[in-house]
Amino acid sequence: MSALTVLFIGDVVGRPGRRMVECGVAFLRRERTIDFVIANGENAAGGSGITPKVVGQLFAAGVDCITTGDHVFRQREGEAIIREDARVLRPLNLSGRAAGRGVGIYRTAGGVSVAVLNVQGRIFMRPIDNPFQAVEAALETLGEEPRVIVVDVHAEATSEKIAMGWLLDGRVTAVLGTHTHVPTADERILPQGTACITDVGMTGPYDSVLGRRTDRVLTAQLTDMPQRFSVATGDSRLCGAVVTADPDTGKALHIERVCVREDDLPPEDVLPPDAGAGDT
């Protein structure tokens, strides 16, 4: 069987991020022959959380699975879609009483099964169950099938994400970090065949502080007064990673960072500025 190619898109922030997903996924599917698309959407609605409308926009743009993180339940409307749609994941190491699921198994158009696990870190983040133990327990329930397994590690500390990569080396296809919104230059394939990167970066406005308006963030830093950290608008990019894997063994063959700016897109893929309107 020919190699399987997975596109993993980093934290989608607000309307600018959704617009880049709508523009960029079609372009990358065509240019890279992408088989499966995962996007971390925990900041997709107004910069924090998800809603049914926003989830629908991401799926319509060609995303196959949405992972999340610590902001997953920030929007009240988001709980229903997380509970009902198996394509939307929340961190598996939340309480077992939390809505939704942290593991999903999907099938590509070519008939290959792909498992996606979503886990959240603990260092510099709110207390939560042990992510390492949670992932190991989840892998035991998967058994021998599917072979291709992608893990989104939504965590603040680089050490925690790197440690997860070493724990799962040879047991999953890829361990891909999210949450810090800054792409790291440490992509590699570990000795036993697992692709790993500390953070794939943000999909959204880079003329910002992690997707938020710089003036609001700087005012807060200078004055210690509360500010509404509105989503910024300039220099939108789609950032993530493309992982190529052997579908028979689940081993990663290649990992590459991707960063698509709007100027990189052919005119036919550029959407009007108001695309993704409705939520901010």
Protein backbone atom coordinates (compact mmCIF):
# COMPACT_ATOMS: atom_id res chain seq x y z
CA MET A 1 0.00 0.00 0.00
CA SER A 2 1.27 3.49 -0.83
CA ALA A 3 2.30 5.93 1.88
CA LEU A 4 -0.33 7.85 3.84
CA THR A 5 0.02 11.61 4.27
CA VAL A 6 -1.47 13.43 7.27
CA LEU A 7 -1.75 17.22 7.54
CA PHE A 8 -1.84 18.43 11.15
CA ILE A 9 -2.85 22.09 11.58
CA GLY A 10 -1.82 24.03 14.69
CA ASP A 11 -4.14 26.05 16.93
CA VAL A 12 -6.74 27.79 14.74
CA VAL A 13 -7.35 31.28 16.18
CA GLY A 14 -10.59 33.10 15.46
CA ARG A 15 -11.90 34.19 12.10
CA PRO A 16 -8.43 34.83 10.57
CA GLY A 17 -7.41 31.26 11.42
CA ARG A 18 -10.62 29.77 10.05
CA ARG A 19 -10.20 31.75 6.85
CA MET A 20 -6.69 30.38 6.39
CA VAL A 21 -8.00 26.85 6.93
CA GLU A 22 -10.63 27.46 4.28
CA CYS A 23 -8.00 28.81 1.88
CA GLY A 24 -5.09 26.58 2.76
CA VAL A 25 -6.47 23.07 3.17
CA ALA A 26 -7.71 22.85 -0.41
CA PHE A 27 -4.34 24.15 -1.62
CA LEU A 28 -2.32 21.70 0.48
CA ARG A 29 -4.57 18.75 -0.34
CA ARG A 30 -3.91 19.45 -4.01
CA GLU A 31 -0.19 20.21 -3.73
CA ARG A 32 0.76 17.49 -1.21
CA THR A 33 -1.87 14.80 -1.95
CA ILE A 34 -3.08 14.88 1.66
CA ASP A 35 -5.08 11.85 2.82
CA PHE A 36 -6.22 13.02 6.26
CA VAL A 37 -6.46 16.44 7.95
CA ILE A 38 -6.42 17.13 11.70
CA ALA A 39 -6.80 20.65 13.12
CA ASN A 40 -6.55 21.85 16.70
CA GLY A 41 -9.62 24.07 16.96
CA GLU A 42 -9.76 25.00 20.63
CA ASN A 43 -9.33 28.72 19.85
CA ALA A 44 -11.38 28.76 16.66
CA ALA A 45 -14.46 30.59 18.03
CA GLY A 46 -13.63 34.17 18.99
CA GLY A 47 -10.15 33.09 20.00
CA SER A 48 -11.28 30.72 22.74
CA GLY A 49 -13.41 27.59 22.45
CA ILE A 50 -15.55 26.11 19.68
CA THR A 51 -19.16 26.33 18.53
CA PRO A 52 -21.24 24.14 16.22
CA LYS A 53 -21.07 26.81 13.51
CA VAL A 54 -17.29 27.05 13.68
CA VAL A 55 -16.92 23.26 13.71
CA GLY A 56 -19.10 23.11 10.62
CA GLN A 57 -16.88 25.65 8.86
CA LEU A 58 -13.74 23.65 9.59
CA PHE A 59 -15.26 20.39 8.37
CA ALA A 60 -16.58 22.11 5.23
CA ALA A 61 -13.03 23.35 4.58
CA GLY A 62 -11.75 19.77 4.46
CA VAL A 63 -10.75 19.03 8.06
CA ASP A 64 -11.44 15.40 9.05
CA CYS A 65 -10.86 15.59 12.82
CA ILE A 66 -10.74 18.47 15.32
CA THR A 67 -8.64 18.27 18.48
CA THR A 68 -8.81 20.77 21.33
CA GLY A 69 -7.23 21.63 24.68
CA ASP A 70 -7.68 23.64 27.84
CA HIS A 71 -10.14 26.11 26.24
CA VAL A 72 -12.41 23.42 24.82
CA PHE A 73 -15.46 24.32 26.95
CA ARG A 74 -15.09 28.12 26.90
CA GLN A 75 -18.12 28.52 24.61
CA ARG A 76 -21.38 27.25 26.09
CA GLU A 77 -22.62 26.02 22.70
CA GLY A 78 -19.52 23.90 22.27
CA GLU A 79 -20.50 21.21 24.74
CA ALA A 80 -23.24 19.77 22.54
CA ILE A 81 -21.03 19.32 19.48
CA ILE A 82 -18.26 17.77 21.59
CA ARG A 83 -20.76 15.35 23.10
CA GLU A 84 -22.44 14.42 19.81
CA ASP A 85 -19.81 14.50 17.05
CA ALA A 86 -17.12 11.81 17.25
CA ARG A 87 -14.92 13.86 14.93
CA VAL A 88 -14.41 16.47 17.69
CA LEU A 89 -12.08 15.43 20.50
CA ARG A 90 -11.33 16.85 23.93
CA PRO A 91 -8.30 15.95 26.07
CA LEU A 92 -8.66 12.31 27.09
CA ASN A 93 -7.16 12.98 30.53
CA LEU A 94 -10.05 15.22 31.61
CA SER A 95 -12.45 13.74 34.13
CA GLY A 96 -14.30 10.70 32.86
CA ARG A 97 -17.48 12.68 33.54
CA ALA A 98 -16.56 15.39 31.03
CA ALA A 99 -18.56 15.57 27.83
CA GLY A 100 -17.08 13.95 24.75
CA ARG A 101 -14.14 11.67 24.10
CA GLY A 102 -10.38 11.92 23.75
CA VAL A 103 -9.81 9.18 21.18
CA GLY A 104 -11.27 8.75 17.72
CA ILE A 105 -10.82 6.20 14.93
CA TYR A 106 -11.51 7.36 11.39
CA ARG A 107 -11.17 6.02 7.87
CA THR A 108 -9.57 7.84 4.95
CA ALA A 109 -11.09 7.92 1.48
CA GLY A 110 -8.62 5.17 0.58
CA GLY A 111 -9.88 2.93 3.37
CA VAL A 112 -6.99 3.33 5.85
CA SER A 113 -7.90 3.53 9.55
CA VAL A 114 -6.37 6.46 11.46
CA ALA A 115 -6.56 6.87 15.24
CA VAL A 116 -6.26 10.31 16.82
CA LEU A 117 -5.54 10.83 20.52
CA ASN A 118 -5.88 14.22 22.22
CA VAL A 119 -4.08 14.74 25.54
CA GLN A 120 -3.37 17.80 27.71
CA GLY A 121 -0.25 18.54 29.72
CA ARG A 122 0.01 19.48 33.40
CA ILE A 123 3.16 21.61 33.76
CA PHE A 124 2.20 25.32 34.11
CA MET A 125 -1.42 24.33 33.42
CA ARG A 126 -4.40 23.54 35.63
CA PRO A 127 -4.38 20.24 37.54
CA ILE A 128 -5.52 17.32 35.42
CA ASP A 129 -5.06 13.55 35.29
CA ASN A 130 -1.65 12.17 34.32
CA PRO A 131 -1.35 12.50 30.51
CA PHE A 132 1.30 9.79 30.19
CA GLN A 133 -0.79 7.20 31.97
CA ALA A 134 -3.89 8.28 30.05
CA VAL A 135 -2.21 7.79 26.68
CA GLU A 136 -0.85 4.38 27.62
CA ALA A 137 -4.28 3.25 28.79
CA ALA A 138 -5.88 4.51 25.59
CA LEU A 139 -3.34 2.68 23.43
CA GLU A 140 -4.17 -0.57 25.19
CA THR A 141 -7.81 -0.22 24.14
CA LEU A 142 -6.81 0.28 20.48
CA GLY A 143 -5.02 -3.05 20.18
CA GLU A 144 -3.27 -3.84 16.90
CA GLU A 145 -5.56 -1.79 14.66
CA PRO A 146 -5.33 0.93 13.47
CA ARG A 147 -1.63 1.17 12.69
CA VAL A 148 -1.55 4.90 11.99
CA ILE A 149 -1.91 6.77 15.30
CA VAL A 150 -1.50 10.54 15.75
CA VAL A 151 -1.24 12.13 19.21
CA ASP A 152 -1.92 15.84 19.81
CA VAL A 153 -0.08 16.85 23.00
CA HIS A 154 -1.61 20.15 24.06
CA ALA A 155 0.88 21.39 26.63
CA GLU A 156 2.84 24.42 27.79
CA ALA A 157 6.19 22.85 28.68
CA THR A 158 8.50 21.69 25.91
CA SER A 159 9.95 19.06 28.24
CA GLU A 160 6.55 17.45 28.74
CA LYS A 161 5.90 17.23 25.00
CA ILE A 162 9.35 15.86 24.23
CA ALA A 163 9.01 13.30 27.01
CA MET A 164 5.72 12.14 25.50
CA GLY A 165 7.49 11.61 22.20
CA TRP A 166 10.09 9.36 23.80
CA LEU A 167 7.47 7.42 25.75
CA LEU A 168 5.52 6.68 22.56
CA ASP A 169 8.43 6.18 20.16
CA GLY A 170 7.67 3.14 18.03
CA ARG A 171 4.14 2.86 19.45
CA VAL A 172 2.45 5.67 17.51
CA THR A 173 3.01 7.37 14.17
CA ALA A 174 3.37 10.94 15.39
CA VAL A 175 3.46 13.02 18.57
CA LEU A 176 2.68 16.62 17.63
CA GLY A 177 2.70 19.51 20.10
CA THR A 178 0.19 22.35 20.28
CA HIS A 179 -0.83 25.16 22.68
CA THR A 180 2.12 27.59 22.69
CA HIS A 181 1.26 29.01 19.22
CA VAL A 182 4.94 29.28 18.29
CA PRO A 183 6.34 26.80 15.74
CA THR A 184 9.50 25.02 16.85
CA ALA A 185 12.34 23.85 14.59
CA ASP A 186 12.88 20.43 16.18
CA GLU A 187 10.86 18.15 13.89
CA ARG A 188 12.43 14.69 13.61
CA ILE A 189 11.72 11.00 13.45
CA LEU A 190 12.72 9.26 16.67
CA PRO A 191 14.77 6.01 16.53
CA GLN A 192 11.78 3.63 16.58
CA GLY A 193 9.85 5.47 13.86
CA THR A 194 7.68 8.11 15.58
CA ALA A 195 7.58 11.62 14.09
CA CYS A 196 7.83 14.30 16.74
CA ILE A 197 7.76 18.11 17.00
CA THR A 198 7.42 20.22 20.13
CA ASP A 199 4.92 22.69 18.64
CA VAL A 200 3.52 23.00 15.13
CA GLY A 201 2.58 26.67 15.61
CA MET A 202 -0.56 28.72 15.19
CA THR A 203 -3.00 29.15 12.32
CA GLY A 204 -4.14 32.73 12.46
CA PRO A 205 -2.78 36.31 12.62
CA TYR A 206 0.97 36.57 13.22
CA ASP A 207 0.92 40.38 13.55
CA SER A 208 -0.09 39.73 17.13
CA VAL A 209 0.87 38.28 20.48
CA LEU A 210 -0.14 34.63 20.07
CA GLY A 211 -3.10 35.70 17.95
CA ARG A 212 -4.23 38.62 20.12
CA ARG A 213 -4.05 42.34 19.36
CA THR A 214 -0.64 43.64 20.32
CA ASP A 215 -1.98 46.96 21.64
CA ARG A 216 -4.27 45.21 24.12
CA VAL A 217 -1.55 42.84 25.31
CA LEU A 218 1.03 45.63 25.69
CA THR A 219 -1.42 47.81 27.61
CA ALA A 220 -2.03 44.94 30.02
CA GLN A 221 1.71 44.36 30.41
CA LEU A 222 2.47 48.05 31.00
CA THR A 223 -0.43 48.96 33.27
CA ASP A 224 -1.38 45.72 35.05
CA MET A 225 -4.97 46.62 34.19
CA PRO A 226 -7.39 44.08 32.71
CA GLN A 227 -7.88 44.15 28.96
CA ARG A 228 -10.06 42.27 26.50
CA PHE A 229 -7.56 40.33 24.39
CA SER A 230 -9.34 40.60 21.05
CA VAL A 231 -8.24 38.48 18.09
CA ALA A 232 -5.77 40.30 15.81
CA THR A 233 -6.07 40.44 12.02
CA GLY A 234 -2.71 40.92 10.25
CA ASP A 235 -0.37 38.47 8.50
CA SER A 236 -2.55 35.36 8.63
CA ARG A 237 -0.80 32.03 8.16
CA LEU A 238 -1.63 28.35 8.25
CA CYS A 239 1.03 26.53 10.26
CA GLY A 240 1.33 22.86 10.98
CA ALA A 241 3.14 19.72 9.94
CA VAL A 242 2.84 17.11 7.21
CA VAL A 243 3.63 13.56 8.28
CA THR A 244 4.07 10.74 5.77
CA ALA A 245 3.61 7.24 7.16
CA ASP A 246 3.66 3.61 6.15
CA PRO A 247 0.02 2.50 6.62
CA ASP A 248 1.03 -1.14 7.07
CA THR A 249 3.43 -0.54 9.97
CA GLY A 250 2.33 2.86 11.26
CA LYS A 251 5.94 4.06 11.17
CA ALA A 252 6.59 7.66 10.14
CA LEU A 253 8.63 8.06 6.97
CA HIS A 254 8.92 11.85 6.91
CA ILE A 255 7.86 14.95 8.84
CA GLU A 256 7.95 18.50 7.52
CA ARG A 257 6.83 21.80 8.99
CA VAL A 258 4.45 23.81 6.82
CA CYS A 259 3.71 27.52 6.89
CA VAL A 260 1.35 28.87 4.25
CA ARG A 261 0.90 32.63 3.97
CA GLU A 262 -1.97 34.11 2.02
CA ASP A 263 0.53 35.47 -0.52
CA ASP A 264 1.66 31.88 -1.16
CA LEU A 265 -1.79 30.89 -2.40
CA PRO A 266 -2.84 30.99 -6.06
CA PRO A 267 -5.63 33.53 -6.74
CA GLU A 268 -8.27 30.82 -7.09
CA ASP A 269 -7.67 29.71 -3.49
CA VAL A 270 -7.83 33.17 -1.89
CA LEU A 271 -11.19 33.81 -0.22
CA PRO A 272 -12.84 37.22 0.32
CA PRO A 273 -11.76 39.06 3.49
CA ASP A 274 -15.12 38.39 5.16
CA ALA A 275 -14.89 34.60 4.75
CA GLY A 276 -15.71 32.83 7.98
CA ALA A 277 -17.84 35.73 9.12
CA GLY A 278 -20.25 35.38 12.02
CA ASP A 279 -18.05 34.56 15.01
CA THR A 280 -14.89 36.60 15.50
